[in-house]
Each structure stands twice: as C-alpha cells, then as structure tokens.
C-alpha cells in the first residue's frame, strides 16, 4: 500500500513511503512514479530501495499474463532501476511496470526517487 506521506530527503530526492502487507509481495509503484515525471521533458528517473530485503524491477505486473511466474523467475532483483522519461511520461514497454518486491514483510518501506532532467 502506498501512503501519501513523503519524508524529508536530500535535495533532489523524493521518498515514497510504502507499507507492505505480506511476507512476499509485489507493490506496483508505476502510477506514483509516473506522477513525479509530470513536467519533465527529458530525463532519467532513478529509483532506489534502502532495504536489503526488498528489490525493484521493471517487469509485467503479477496477474497480468498467464506466464507471470516465468517473468519473475527470469528477473534478477536489484536495489534500483532507472527509467527514461520523454514528454513527461515514463518510457516503459506495453507490459512493463515498476514494482517493489517484498521479501521480509509486512513492514513499512521507503523508496527514494531522484529525477535528473531537462525542464521544459
């Protein structure tokens, strides 16, 4: 579950508060990240999780396709992802979403977001 609360972060960073509800869970961050890209004509969004028992990936959302288990098995989890922004929108493929993978929940998690951009 995403909360509307943002915590104070170093200049240029936004921190998303994420409360997970299960010990293994995928939380779709895509819409929240897309809202941060509004007004950015060109740039890169760097997303970083500050927890060693969570990971981030760009992959199909769970339940979207019948072979979702194969997508998850193929993914190597990392602590950050970078997503290009063009015209104020995230440049993701048709089935791609930005997900937080929970491996040790439920817990409150923070995801730091920094936009590097050329403003319009």
PDB file of N, CA and C in Angstrom:
ATOM      1  N   UNK A   1       0.844  -1.161   0.000  1.00  0.00           N
ATOM      2  CA  UNK A   1       0.000   0.000   0.000  1.00  0.00           C
ATOM      3  C   UNK A   1       0.897   1.233   0.000  1.00  0.00           C
ATOM      4  N   UNK A   2       0.607   2.177  -0.885  1.00  0.00           N
ATOM      5  CA  UNK A   2       1.343   3.436  -0.895  1.00  0.00           C
ATOM      6  C   UNK A   2       0.619   4.418   0.003  1.00  0.00           C
ATOM      7  N   UNK A   3       1.377   5.205   0.732  1.00  0.00           N
ATOM      8  CA  UNK A   3       0.764   6.255   1.529  1.00  0.00           C
ATOM      9  C   UNK A   3       1.107   7.583   0.881  1.00  0.00           C
ATOM     10  N   UNK A   4       0.349   8.607   1.211  1.00  0.00           N
ATOM     11  CA  UNK A   4       0.604   9.917   0.630  1.00  0.00           C
ATOM     12  C   UNK A   4       1.748  10.641   1.325  1.00  0.00           C
ATOM     13  N   UNK A   5       2.197  10.113   2.437  1.00  0.00           N
ATOM     14  CA  UNK A   5       3.254  10.776   3.190  1.00  0.00           C
ATOM     15  C   UNK A   5       4.591  10.664   2.475  1.00  0.00           C
ATOM     16  N   UNK A   6       5.272  11.777   2.374  1.00  0.00           N
ATOM     17  CA  UNK A   6       6.638  11.802   1.865  1.00  0.00           C
ATOM     18  C   UNK A   6       7.516  12.285   3.004  1.00  0.00           C
ATOM     19  N   UNK A   7       8.662  11.668   3.186  1.00  0.00           N
ATOM     20  CA  UNK A   7       9.563  12.120   4.234  1.00  0.00           C
ATOM     21  C   UNK A   7      10.603  13.054   3.634  1.00  0.00           C
ATOM     22  N   UNK A   8      11.244  13.823   4.496  1.00  0.00           N
ATOM     23  CA  UNK A   8      12.285  14.744   4.055  1.00  0.00           C
ATOM     24  C   UNK A   8      13.466  13.927   3.532  1.00  0.00           C
ATOM     25  N   UNK A   9      13.981  14.326   2.396  1.00  0.00           N
ATOM     26  CA  UNK A   9      15.083  13.610   1.759  1.00  0.00           C
ATOM     27  C   UNK A   9      16.124  14.618   1.311  1.00  0.00           C
ATOM     28  N   UNK A  10      17.323  14.148   0.981  1.00  0.00           N
ATOM     29  CA  UNK A  10      18.345  15.055   0.463  1.00  0.00           C
ATOM     30  C   UNK A  10      17.826  15.811  -0.759  1.00  0.00           C
ATOM     31  N   UNK A  11      18.376  16.985  -1.020  1.00  0.00           N
ATOM     32  CA  UNK A  11      17.934  17.826  -2.127  1.00  0.00           C
ATOM     33  C   UNK A  11      17.846  17.020  -3.416  1.00  0.00           C
ATOM     34  N   UNK A  12      16.746  17.152  -4.114  1.00  0.00           N
ATOM     35  CA  UNK A  12      16.545  16.465  -5.378  1.00  0.00           C
ATOM     36  C   UNK A  12      15.893  15.103  -5.255  1.00  0.00           C
ATOM     37  N   UNK A  13      15.783  14.568  -4.052  1.00  0.00           N
ATOM     38  CA  UNK A  13      15.194  13.247  -3.859  1.00  0.00           C
ATOM     39  C   UNK A  13      13.782  13.357  -3.318  1.00  0.00           C
ATOM     40  N   UNK A  14      12.931  12.442  -3.693  1.00  0.00           N
ATOM     41  CA  UNK A  14      11.608  12.272  -3.114  1.00  0.00           C
ATOM     42  C   UNK A  14      11.592  10.889  -2.485  1.00  0.00           C
ATOM     43  N   UNK A  15      11.026  10.744  -1.305  1.00  0.00           N
ATOM     44  CA  UNK A  15      10.937   9.446  -0.643  1.00  0.00           C
ATOM     45  C   UNK A  15       9.475   9.019  -0.618  1.00  0.00           C
ATOM     46  N   UNK A  16       9.184   7.854  -1.177  1.00  0.00           N
ATOM     47  CA  UNK A  16       7.847   7.277  -1.121  1.00  0.00           C
ATOM     48  C   UNK A  16       7.768   6.339   0.073  1.00  0.00           C
ATOM     49  N   UNK A  17       6.739   6.483   0.879  1.00  0.00           N
ATOM     50  CA  UNK A  17       6.506   5.556   1.983  1.00  0.00           C
ATOM     51  C   UNK A  17       5.646   4.416   1.454  1.00  0.00           C
ATOM     52  N   UNK A  18       6.085   3.186   1.666  1.00  0.00           N
ATOM     53  CA  UNK A  18       5.358   2.014   1.174  1.00  0.00           C
ATOM     54  C   UNK A  18       5.166   1.048   2.334  1.00  0.00           C
ATOM     55  N   UNK A  19       3.910   0.752   2.675  1.00  0.00           N
ATOM     56  CA  UNK A  19       3.631  -0.252   3.701  1.00  0.00           C
ATOM     57  C   UNK A  19       3.248  -1.539   2.987  1.00  0.00           C
ATOM     58  N   UNK A  20       4.021  -2.598   3.243  1.00  0.00           N
ATOM     59  CA  UNK A  20       3.688  -3.887   2.658  1.00  0.00           C
ATOM     60  C   UNK A  20       2.750  -4.637   3.593  1.00  0.00           C
ATOM     61  N   UNK A  21       2.055  -5.628   3.048  1.00  0.00           N
ATOM     62  CA  UNK A  21       1.035  -6.342   3.824  1.00  0.00           C
ATOM     63  C   UNK A  21       1.301  -7.836   3.961  1.00  0.00           C
ATOM     64  N   UNK A  22       2.350  -8.338   3.320  1.00  0.00           N
ATOM     65  CA  UNK A  22       2.630  -9.778   3.364  1.00  0.00           C
ATOM     66  C   UNK A  22       4.133 -10.004   3.344  1.00  0.00           C
ATOM     67  N   UNK A  23       4.550 -11.232   3.673  1.00  0.00           N
ATOM     68  CA  UNK A  23       5.979 -11.528   3.701  1.00  0.00           C
ATOM     69  C   UNK A  23       6.581 -11.573   2.303  1.00  0.00           C
ATOM     70  N   UNK A  24       5.809 -11.920   1.292  1.00  0.00           N
ATOM     71  CA  UNK A  24       6.228 -11.882  -0.102  1.00  0.00           C
ATOM     72  C   UNK A  24       5.152 -11.132  -0.868  1.00  0.00           C
ATOM     73  N   UNK A  25       5.524 -10.022  -1.496  1.00  0.00           N
ATOM     74  CA  UNK A  25       4.521  -9.152  -2.114  1.00  0.00           C
ATOM     75  C   UNK A  25       5.175  -8.319  -3.200  1.00  0.00           C
ATOM     76  N   UNK A  26       4.421  -8.028  -4.244  1.00  0.00           N
ATOM     77  CA  UNK A  26       4.857  -7.107  -5.283  1.00  0.00           C
ATOM     78  C   UNK A  26       3.950  -5.886  -5.221  1.00  0.00           C
ATOM     79  N   UNK A  27       4.527  -4.722  -5.009  1.00  0.00           N
ATOM     80  CA  UNK A  27       3.768  -3.474  -4.912  1.00  0.00           C
ATOM     81  C   UNK A  27       4.047  -2.668  -6.171  1.00  0.00           C
ATOM     82  N   UNK A  28       2.994  -2.357  -6.924  1.00  0.00           N
ATOM     83  CA  UNK A  28       3.131  -1.611  -8.175  1.00  0.00           C
ATOM     84  C   UNK A  28       3.333  -0.125  -7.864  1.00  0.00           C
ATOM     85  N   UNK A  29       4.494   0.391  -8.187  1.00  0.00           N
ATOM     86  CA  UNK A  29       4.843   1.793  -7.928  1.00  0.00           C
ATOM     87  C   UNK A  29       4.645   2.678  -9.158  1.00  0.00           C
ATOM     88  N   UNK A  30       4.245   2.100 -10.278  1.00  0.00           N
ATOM     89  CA  UNK A  30       4.277   2.787 -11.562  1.00  0.00           C
ATOM     90  C   UNK A  30       3.484   4.089 -11.587  1.00  0.00           C
ATOM     91  N   UNK A  31       2.243   4.085 -11.142  1.00  0.00           N
ATOM     92  CA  UNK A  31       1.419   5.302 -11.213  1.00  0.00           C
ATOM     93  C   UNK A  31       2.000   6.417 -10.354  1.00  0.00           C
ATOM     94  N   UNK A  32       2.470   6.070  -9.173  1.00  0.00           N
ATOM     95  CA  UNK A  32       3.065   7.075  -8.279  1.00  0.00           C
ATOM     96  C   UNK A  32       4.323   7.669  -8.906  1.00  0.00           C
ATOM     97  N   UNK A  33       5.157   6.819  -9.528  1.00  0.00           N
ATOM     98  CA  UNK A  33       6.361   7.309 -10.193  1.00  0.00           C
ATOM     99  C   UNK A  33       6.013   8.151 -11.414  1.00  0.00           C
ATOM    100  N   UNK A  34       5.011   7.721 -12.157  1.00  0.00           N
ATOM    101  CA  UNK A  34       4.589   8.482 -13.342  1.00  0.00           C
ATOM    102  C   UNK A  34       4.137   9.886 -12.965  1.00  0.00           C
ATOM    103  N   UNK A  35       3.475  10.035 -11.820  1.00  0.00           N
ATOM    104  CA  UNK A  35       3.024  11.366 -11.393  1.00  0.00           C
ATOM    105  C   UNK A  35       4.210  12.279 -11.082  1.00  0.00           C
ATOM    106  N   UNK A  36       5.337  11.707 -10.659  1.00  0.00           N
ATOM    107  CA  UNK A  36       6.532  12.505 -10.389  1.00  0.00           C
ATOM    108  C   UNK A  36       7.216  12.961 -11.676  1.00  0.00           C
ATOM    109  N   UNK A  37       6.937  12.294 -12.792  1.00  0.00           N
ATOM    110  CA  UNK A  37       7.564  12.625 -14.070  1.00  0.00           C
ATOM    111  C   UNK A  37       6.854  13.762 -14.800  1.00  0.00           C
ATOM    112  N   UNK A  38       5.669  14.159 -14.341  1.00  0.00           N
ATOM    113  CA  UNK A  38       4.941  15.250 -14.997  1.00  0.00           C
ATOM    114  C   UNK A  38       5.806  16.511 -15.019  1.00  0.00           C
ATOM    115  N   UNK A  39       5.848  17.174 -16.154  1.00  0.00           N
ATOM    116  CA  UNK A  39       6.629  18.392 -16.282  1.00  0.00           C
ATOM    117  C   UNK A  39       8.068  18.168 -16.678  1.00  0.00           C
ATOM    118  N   UNK A  40       8.485  16.930 -16.818  1.00  0.00           N
ATOM    119  CA  UNK A  40       9.851  16.618 -17.237  1.00  0.00           C
ATOM    120  C   UNK A  40       9.825  16.315 -18.724  1.00  0.00           C
ATOM    121  N   UNK A  41      10.521  17.136 -19.523  1.00  0.00           N
ATOM    122  CA  UNK A  41      10.509  16.905 -20.967  1.00  0.00           C
ATOM    123  C   UNK A  41      11.466  15.794 -21.366  1.00  0.00           C
ATOM    124  N   UNK A  42      12.571  15.665 -20.667  1.00  0.00           N
ATOM    125  CA  UNK A  42      13.537  14.612 -20.970  1.00  0.00           C
ATOM    126  C   UNK A  42      14.391  14.400 -19.731  1.00  0.00           C
ATOM    127  N   UNK A  43      14.667  13.146 -19.405  1.00  0.00           N
ATOM    128  CA  UNK A  43      15.481  12.886 -18.226  1.00  0.00           C
ATOM    129  C   UNK A  43      15.469  11.428 -17.856  1.00  0.00           C
ATOM    130  N   UNK A  44      15.991  11.102 -16.688  1.00  0.00           N
ATOM    131  CA  UNK A  44      16.043   9.737 -16.184  1.00  0.00           C
ATOM    132  C   UNK A  44      15.527   9.739 -14.759  1.00  0.00           C
ATOM    133  N   UNK A  45      14.693   8.760 -14.435  1.00  0.00           N
ATOM    134  CA  UNK A  45      14.230   8.577 -13.063  1.00  0.00           C
ATOM    135  C   UNK A  45      15.037   7.437 -12.463  1.00  0.00           C
ATOM    136  N   UNK A  46      15.724   7.714 -11.385  1.00  0.00           N
ATOM    137  CA  UNK A  46      16.476   6.686 -10.676  1.00  0.00           C
ATOM    138  C   UNK A  46      15.682   6.332  -9.429  1.00  0.00           C
ATOM    139  N   UNK A  47      15.356   5.071  -9.261  1.00  0.00           N
ATOM    140  CA  UNK A  47      14.565   4.592  -8.130  1.00  0.00           C
ATOM    141  C   UNK A  47      15.445   3.641  -7.328  1.00  0.00           C
ATOM    142  N   UNK A  48      15.504   3.831  -6.017  1.00  0.00           N
ATOM    143  CA  UNK A  48      16.412   3.088  -5.146  1.00  0.00           C
ATOM    144  C   UNK A  48      15.680   2.666  -3.878  1.00  0.00           C
ATOM    145  N   UNK A  49      15.810   1.409  -3.490  1.00  0.00           N
ATOM    146  CA  UNK A  49      15.235   0.961  -2.222  1.00  0.00           C
ATOM    147  C   UNK A  49      16.338   0.910  -1.170  1.00  0.00           C
ATOM    148  N   UNK A  50      16.025   1.386   0.017  1.00  0.00           N
ATOM    149  CA  UNK A  50      17.023   1.465   1.083  1.00  0.00           C
ATOM    150  C   UNK A  50      17.019   0.233   1.985  1.00  0.00           C
ATOM    151  N   UNK A  51      16.467  -0.855   1.514  1.00  0.00           N
ATOM    152  CA  UNK A  51      16.329  -2.041   2.354  1.00  0.00           C
ATOM    153  C   UNK A  51      16.936  -3.260   1.665  1.00  0.00           C
ATOM    154  N   UNK A  52      17.731  -4.036   2.399  1.00  0.00           N
ATOM    155  CA  UNK A  52      18.397  -5.201   1.813  1.00  0.00           C
ATOM    156  C   UNK A  52      17.449  -6.368   1.575  1.00  0.00           C
ATOM    157  N   UNK A  53      16.265  -6.327   2.160  1.00  0.00           N
ATOM    158  CA  UNK A  53      15.302  -7.410   1.949  1.00  0.00           C
ATOM    159  C   UNK A  53      14.152  -7.001   1.038  1.00  0.00           C
ATOM    160  N   UNK A  54      14.366  -5.962   0.228  1.00  0.00           N
ATOM    161  CA  UNK A  54      13.426  -5.621  -0.838  1.00  0.00           C
ATOM    162  C   UNK A  54      14.225  -5.490  -2.123  1.00  0.00           C
ATOM    163  N   UNK A  55      13.546  -5.520  -3.221  1.00  0.00           N
ATOM    164  CA  UNK A  55      14.177  -5.340  -4.514  1.00  0.00           C
ATOM    165  C   UNK A  55      13.242  -4.569  -5.424  1.00  0.00           C
ATOM    166  N   UNK A  56      13.781  -4.057  -6.509  1.00  0.00           N
ATOM    167  CA  UNK A  56      12.991  -3.341  -7.511  1.00  0.00           C
ATOM    168  C   UNK A  56      13.195  -4.004  -8.863  1.00  0.00           C
ATOM    169  N   UNK A  57      12.190  -3.982  -9.677  1.00  0.00           N
ATOM    170  CA  UNK A  57      12.334  -4.483 -11.020  1.00  0.00           C
ATOM    171  C   UNK A  57      11.298  -3.846 -11.926  1.00  0.00           C
ATOM    172  N   UNK A  58      11.639  -3.810 -13.205  1.00  0.00           N
ATOM    173  CA  UNK A  58      10.690  -3.434 -14.238  1.00  0.00           C
ATOM    174  C   UNK A  58      10.277  -4.743 -14.881  1.00  0.00           C
ATOM    175  N   UNK A  59       9.006  -5.088 -14.754  1.00  0.00           N
ATOM    176  CA  UNK A  59       8.518  -6.373 -15.226  1.00  0.00           C
ATOM    177  C   UNK A  59       7.014  -6.279 -15.392  1.00  0.00           C
ATOM    178  N   UNK A  60       6.390  -7.296 -15.914  1.00  0.00           N
ATOM    179  CA  UNK A  60       4.942  -7.355 -16.034  1.00  0.00           C
ATOM    180  C   UNK A  60       4.344  -7.425 -14.627  1.00  0.00           C
ATOM    181  N   UNK A  61       3.192  -6.786 -14.439  1.00  0.00           N
ATOM    182  CA  UNK A  61       2.533  -6.829 -13.135  1.00  0.00           C
ATOM    183  C   UNK A  61       2.012  -8.241 -12.868  1.00  0.00           C
ATOM    184  N   UNK A  62       2.121  -8.717 -11.633  1.00  0.00           N
ATOM    185  CA  UNK A  62       1.608 -10.049 -11.313  1.00  0.00           C
ATOM    186  C   UNK A  62       0.134 -10.161 -11.681  1.00  0.00           C
ATOM    187  N   UNK A  63      -0.240 -11.279 -12.289  1.00  0.00           N
ATOM    188  CA  UNK A  63      -1.624 -11.495 -12.669  1.00  0.00           C
ATOM    189  C   UNK A  63      -1.984 -10.954 -14.044  1.00  0.00           C
ATOM    190  N   UNK A  64      -1.094 -10.191 -14.675  1.00  0.00           N
ATOM    191  CA  UNK A  64      -1.390  -9.602 -15.977  1.00  0.00           C
ATOM    192  C   UNK A  64      -1.294 -10.619 -17.109  1.00  0.00           C
ATOM    193  N   UNK A  65      -0.423 -11.597 -16.979  1.00  0.00           N
ATOM    194  CA  UNK A  65      -0.207 -12.577 -18.046  1.00  0.00           C
ATOM    195  C   UNK A  65      -0.123 -13.967 -17.425  1.00  0.00           C
ATOM    196  N   UNK A  66      -0.508 -14.963 -18.202  1.00  0.00           N
ATOM    197  CA  UNK A  66      -0.530 -16.318 -17.657  1.00  0.00           C
ATOM    198  C   UNK A  66       0.864 -16.848 -17.340  1.00  0.00           C
ATOM    199  N   UNK A  67       1.898 -16.317 -17.955  1.00  0.00           N
ATOM    200  CA  UNK A  67       3.254 -16.785 -17.682  1.00  0.00           C
ATOM    201  C   UNK A  67       4.009 -15.831 -16.757  1.00  0.00           C
ATOM    202  N   UNK A  68       3.288 -15.184 -15.866  1.00  0.00           N
ATOM    203  CA  UNK A  68       3.920 -14.257 -14.940  1.00  0.00           C
ATOM    204  C   UNK A  68       5.003 -14.890 -14.093  1.00  0.00           C
ATOM    205  N   UNK A  69       4.823 -16.172 -13.731  1.00  0.00           N
ATOM    206  CA  UNK A  69       5.843 -16.863 -12.937  1.00  0.00           C
ATOM    207  C   UNK A  69       7.168 -16.914 -13.689  1.00  0.00           C
ATOM    208  N   UNK A  70       7.119 -17.046 -15.011  1.00  0.00           N
ATOM    209  CA  UNK A  70       8.354 -17.074 -15.800  1.00  0.00           C
ATOM    210  C   UNK A  70       9.041 -15.715 -15.791  1.00  0.00           C
ATOM    211  N   UNK A  71       8.246 -14.659 -15.843  1.00  0.00           N
ATOM    212  CA  UNK A  71       8.819 -13.312 -15.773  1.00  0.00           C
ATOM    213  C   UNK A  71       9.539 -13.110 -14.444  1.00  0.00           C
ATOM    214  N   UNK A  72       8.928 -13.556 -13.359  1.00  0.00           N
ATOM    215  CA  UNK A  72       9.546 -13.392 -12.038  1.00  0.00           C
ATOM    216  C   UNK A  72      10.800 -14.242 -11.895  1.00  0.00           C
ATOM    217  N   UNK A  73      10.753 -15.464 -12.406  1.00  0.00           N
ATOM    218  CA  UNK A  73      11.936 -16.332 -12.327  1.00  0.00           C
ATOM    219  C   UNK A  73      13.103 -15.752 -13.115  1.00  0.00           C
ATOM    220  N   UNK A  74      12.803 -15.069 -14.219  1.00  0.00           N
ATOM    221  CA  UNK A  74      13.853 -14.522 -15.074  1.00  0.00           C
ATOM    222  C   UNK A  74      14.458 -13.239 -14.502  1.00  0.00           C
ATOM    223  N   UNK A  75      13.755 -12.620 -13.594  1.00  0.00           N
ATOM    224  CA  UNK A  75      14.204 -11.332 -13.059  1.00  0.00           C
ATOM    225  C   UNK A  75      15.316 -11.514 -12.026  1.00  0.00           C
ATOM    226  N   UNK A  76      16.329 -10.697 -12.115  1.00  0.00           N
ATOM    227  CA  UNK A  76      17.340 -10.606 -11.068  1.00  0.00           C
ATOM    228  C   UNK A  76      17.034  -9.331 -10.294  1.00  0.00           C
ATOM    229  N   UNK A  77      16.779  -9.468  -9.007  1.00  0.00           N
ATOM    230  CA  UNK A  77      16.379  -8.321  -8.221  1.00  0.00           C
ATOM    231  C   UNK A  77      17.546  -7.407  -7.922  1.00  0.00           C
ATOM    232  N   UNK A  78      17.310  -6.128  -7.986  1.00  0.00           N
ATOM    233  CA  UNK A  78      18.293  -5.088  -7.711  1.00  0.00           C
ATOM    234  C   UNK A  78      17.709  -4.112  -6.693  1.00  0.00           C
ATOM    235  N   UNK A  79      18.518  -3.219  -6.237  1.00  0.00           N
ATOM    236  CA  UNK A  79      18.019  -2.219  -5.294  1.00  0.00           C
ATOM    237  C   UNK A  79      17.624  -0.930  -5.986  1.00  0.00           C
ATOM    238  N   UNK A  80      17.860  -0.821  -7.304  1.00  0.00           N
ATOM    239  CA  UNK A  80      17.466   0.399  -8.012  1.00  0.00           C
ATOM    240  C   UNK A  80      17.183   0.107  -9.475  1.00  0.00           C
ATOM    241  N   UNK A  81      16.426   1.001 -10.077  1.00  0.00           N
ATOM    242  CA  UNK A  81      16.113   0.963 -11.504  1.00  0.00           C
ATOM    243  C   UNK A  81      16.129   2.391 -12.022  1.00  0.00           C
ATOM    244  N   UNK A  82      16.500   2.549 -13.271  1.00  0.00           N
ATOM    245  CA  UNK A  82      16.414   3.848 -13.935  1.00  0.00           C
ATOM    246  C   UNK A  82      15.429   3.717 -15.085  1.00  0.00           C
ATOM    247  N   UNK A  83      14.540   4.693 -15.210  1.00  0.00           N
ATOM    248  CA  UNK A  83      13.513   4.665 -16.246  1.00  0.00           C
ATOM    249  C   UNK A  83      13.596   5.956 -17.043  1.00  0.00           C
ATOM    250  N   UNK A  84      13.769   5.873 -18.365  1.00  0.00           N
ATOM    251  CA  UNK A  84      13.789   7.092 -19.179  1.00  0.00           C
ATOM    252  C   UNK A  84      12.445   7.810 -19.120  1.00  0.00           C
ATOM    253  N   UNK A  85      12.499   9.131 -19.245  1.00  0.00           N
ATOM    254  CA  UNK A  85      11.299   9.972 -19.301  1.00  0.00           C
ATOM    255  C   UNK A  85      11.360  10.769 -20.593  1.00  0.00           C
ATOM    256  N   UNK A  86      10.290  10.748 -21.364  1.00  0.00           N
ATOM    257  CA  UNK A  86      10.181  11.569 -22.570  1.00  0.00           C
ATOM    258  C   UNK A  86       8.795  12.196 -22.582  1.00  0.00           C
ATOM    259  N   UNK A  87       8.746  13.492 -22.767  1.00  0.00           N
ATOM    260  CA  UNK A  87       7.461  14.185 -22.818  1.00  0.00           C
ATOM    261  C   UNK A  87       6.655  14.079 -21.543  1.00  0.00           C
ATOM    262  N   UNK A  88       7.336  13.988 -20.413  1.00  0.00           N
ATOM    263  CA  UNK A  88       6.641  13.924 -19.128  1.00  0.00           C
ATOM    264  C   UNK A  88       6.078  12.555 -18.787  1.00  0.00           C
ATOM    265  N   UNK A  89       6.430  11.527 -19.561  1.00  0.00           N
ATOM    266  CA  UNK A  89       5.904  10.180 -19.311  1.00  0.00           C
ATOM    267  C   UNK A  89       7.052   9.182 -19.162  1.00  0.00           C
ATOM    268  N   UNK A  90       6.825   8.169 -18.340  1.00  0.00           N
ATOM    269  CA  UNK A  90       7.794   7.085 -18.206  1.00  0.00           C
ATOM    270  C   UNK A  90       7.822   6.288 -19.513  1.00  0.00           C
ATOM    271  N   UNK A  91       9.010   5.953 -19.989  1.00  0.00           N
ATOM    272  CA  UNK A  91       9.151   5.179 -21.232  1.00  0.00           C
ATOM    273  C   UNK A  91       9.247   3.704 -20.895  1.00  0.00           C
ATOM    274  N   UNK A  92       8.119   3.111 -20.599  1.00  0.00           N
ATOM    275  CA  UNK A  92       8.039   1.692 -20.297  1.00  0.00           C
ATOM    276  C   UNK A  92       7.383   0.980 -21.467  1.00  0.00           C
ATOM    277  N   UNK A  93       7.706  -0.303 -21.630  1.00  0.00           N
ATOM    278  CA  UNK A  93       7.058  -1.109 -22.651  1.00  0.00           C
ATOM    279  C   UNK A  93       5.609  -1.381 -22.281  1.00  0.00           C
ATOM    280  N   UNK A  94       4.875  -1.922 -23.233  1.00  0.00           N
ATOM    281  CA  UNK A  94       3.441  -2.150 -23.068  1.00  0.00           C
ATOM    282  C   UNK A  94       3.088  -2.881 -21.772  1.00  0.00           C
ATOM    283  N   UNK A  95       3.830  -3.890 -21.423  1.00  0.00           N
ATOM    284  CA  UNK A  95       3.509  -4.699 -20.248  1.00  0.00           C
ATOM    285  C   UNK A  95       4.364  -4.356 -19.037  1.00  0.00           C
ATOM    286  N   UNK A  96       5.275  -3.413 -19.154  1.00  0.00           N
ATOM    287  CA  UNK A  96       6.204  -3.131 -18.057  1.00  0.00           C
ATOM    288  C   UNK A  96       5.577  -2.266 -16.975  1.00  0.00           C
ATOM    289  N   UNK A  97       5.916  -2.558 -15.737  1.00  0.00           N
ATOM    290  CA  UNK A  97       5.518  -1.796 -14.556  1.00  0.00           C
ATOM    291  C   UNK A  97       6.761  -1.697 -13.665  1.00  0.00           C
ATOM    292  N   UNK A  98       6.809  -0.720 -12.783  1.00  0.00           N
ATOM    293  CA  UNK A  98       7.890  -0.616 -11.795  1.00  0.00           C
ATOM    294  C   UNK A  98       7.329  -1.180 -10.491  1.00  0.00           C
ATOM    295  N   UNK A  99       7.946  -2.229  -9.991  1.00  0.00           N
ATOM    296  CA  UNK A  99       7.422  -2.958  -8.840  1.00  0.00           C
ATOM    297  C   UNK A  99       8.424  -2.974  -7.698  1.00  0.00           C
ATOM    298  N   UNK A 100       7.925  -2.909  -6.475  1.00  0.00           N
ATOM    299  CA  UNK A 100       8.733  -3.149  -5.282  1.00  0.00           C
ATOM    300  C   UNK A 100       8.460  -4.589  -4.865  1.00  0.00           C
ATOM    301  N   UNK A 101       9.485  -5.401  -4.764  1.00  0.00           N
ATOM    302  CA  UNK A 101       9.336  -6.788  -4.332  1.00  0.00           C
ATOM    303  C   UNK A 101       9.659  -6.886  -2.843  1.00  0.00           C
ATOM    304  N   UNK A 102       8.722  -7.359  -2.071  1.00  0.00           N
ATOM    305  CA  UNK A 102       8.893  -7.524  -0.622  1.00  0.00           C
ATOM    306  C   UNK A 102       9.315  -8.952  -0.329  1.00  0.00           C
ATOM    307  N   UNK A 103      10.403  -9.120   0.431  1.00  0.00           N
ATOM    308  CA  UNK A 103      10.904 -10.441   0.776  1.00  0.00           C
ATOM    309  C   UNK A 103      10.865 -10.717   2.277  1.00  0.00           C
ATOM    310  N   UNK A 104      10.501  -9.732   3.072  1.00  0.00           N
ATOM    311  CA  UNK A 104      10.555  -9.901   4.519  1.00  0.00           C
ATOM    312  C   UNK A 104       9.481  -9.050   5.190  1.00  0.00           C
ATOM    313  N   UNK A 105       8.269  -9.078   4.681  1.00  0.00           N
ATOM    314  CA  UNK A 105       7.208  -8.217   5.190  1.00  0.00           C
ATOM    315  C   UNK A 105       6.277  -8.970   6.122  1.00  0.00           C
ATOM    316  N   UNK A 106       5.249  -8.310   6.567  1.00  0.00           N
ATOM    317  CA  UNK A 106       4.918  -6.925   6.247  1.00  0.00           C
ATOM    318  C   UNK A 106       5.721  -5.925   7.065  1.00  0.00           C
ATOM    319  N   UNK A 107       6.091  -4.819   6.411  1.00  0.00           N
ATOM    320  CA  UNK A 107       6.866  -3.755   7.040  1.00  0.00           C
ATOM    321  C   UNK A 107       6.598  -2.441   6.328  1.00  0.00           C
ATOM    322  N   UNK A 108       6.974  -1.316   6.967  1.00  0.00           N
ATOM    323  CA  UNK A 108       6.966  -0.015   6.311  1.00  0.00           C
ATOM    324  C   UNK A 108       8.274   0.100   5.552  1.00  0.00           C
ATOM    325  N   UNK A 109       8.211   0.488   4.278  1.00  0.00           N
ATOM    326  CA  UNK A 109       9.395   0.598   3.431  1.00  0.00           C
ATOM    327  C   UNK A 109       9.499   1.998   2.847  1.00  0.00           C
ATOM    328  N   UNK A 110      10.698   2.427   2.513  1.00  0.00           N
ATOM    329  CA  UNK A 110      10.930   3.706   1.840  1.00  0.00           C
ATOM    330  C   UNK A 110      11.564   3.435   0.487  1.00  0.00           C
ATOM    331  N   UNK A 111      11.091   4.122  -0.528  1.00  0.00           N
ATOM    332  CA  UNK A 111      11.687   4.059  -1.860  1.00  0.00           C
ATOM    333  C   UNK A 111      12.089   5.483  -2.220  1.00  0.00           C
ATOM    334  N   UNK A 112      13.355   5.710  -2.440  1.00  0.00           N
ATOM    335  CA  UNK A 112      13.861   7.052  -2.783  1.00  0.00           C
ATOM    336  C   UNK A 112      13.811   7.224  -4.296  1.00  0.00           C
ATOM    337  N   UNK A 113      13.396   8.410  -4.718  1.00  0.00           N
ATOM    338  CA  UNK A 113      13.267   8.713  -6.138  1.00  0.00           C
ATOM    339  C   UNK A 113      14.004  10.013  -6.423  1.00  0.00           C
ATOM    340  N   UNK A 114      14.901  10.006  -7.397  1.00  0.00           N
ATOM    341  CA  UNK A 114      15.578  11.229  -7.835  1.00  0.00           C
ATOM    342  C   UNK A 114      15.351  11.385  -9.331  1.00  0.00           C
ATOM    343  N   UNK A 115      14.936  12.574  -9.733  1.00  0.00           N
ATOM    344  CA  UNK A 115      14.782  12.880 -11.157  1.00  0.00           C
ATOM    345  C   UNK A 115      15.955  13.706 -11.614  1.00  0.00           C
ATOM    346  N   UNK A 116      16.623  13.250 -12.649  1.00  0.00           N
ATOM    347  CA  UNK A 116      17.662  14.018 -13.326  1.00  0.00           C
ATOM    348  C   UNK A 116      17.046  14.429 -14.644  1.00  0.00           C
ATOM    349  N   UNK A 117      16.927  15.724 -14.901  1.00  0.00           N
ATOM    350  CA  UNK A 117      16.128  16.112 -16.059  1.00  0.00           C
ATOM    351  C   UNK A 117      16.536  17.433 -16.677  1.00  0.00           C
ATOM    352  N   UNK A 118      16.001  17.636 -17.850  1.00  0.00           N
ATOM    353  CA  UNK A 118      15.989  18.932 -18.521  1.00  0.00           C
ATOM    354  C   UNK A 118      14.565  19.431 -18.393  1.00  0.00           C
ATOM    355  N   UNK A 119      14.357  20.523 -17.702  1.00  0.00           N
ATOM    356  CA  UNK A 119      12.992  21.054 -17.529  1.00  0.00           C
ATOM    357  C   UNK A 119      12.536  21.725 -18.802  1.00  0.00           C
ATOM    358  N   UNK A 120      11.207  21.700 -19.005  1.00  0.00           N
ATOM    359  CA  UNK A 120      10.626  22.365 -20.178  1.00  0.00           C
ATOM    360  C   UNK A 120      10.793  23.852 -20.086  1.00  0.00           C
TER     361      UNK A 120
END
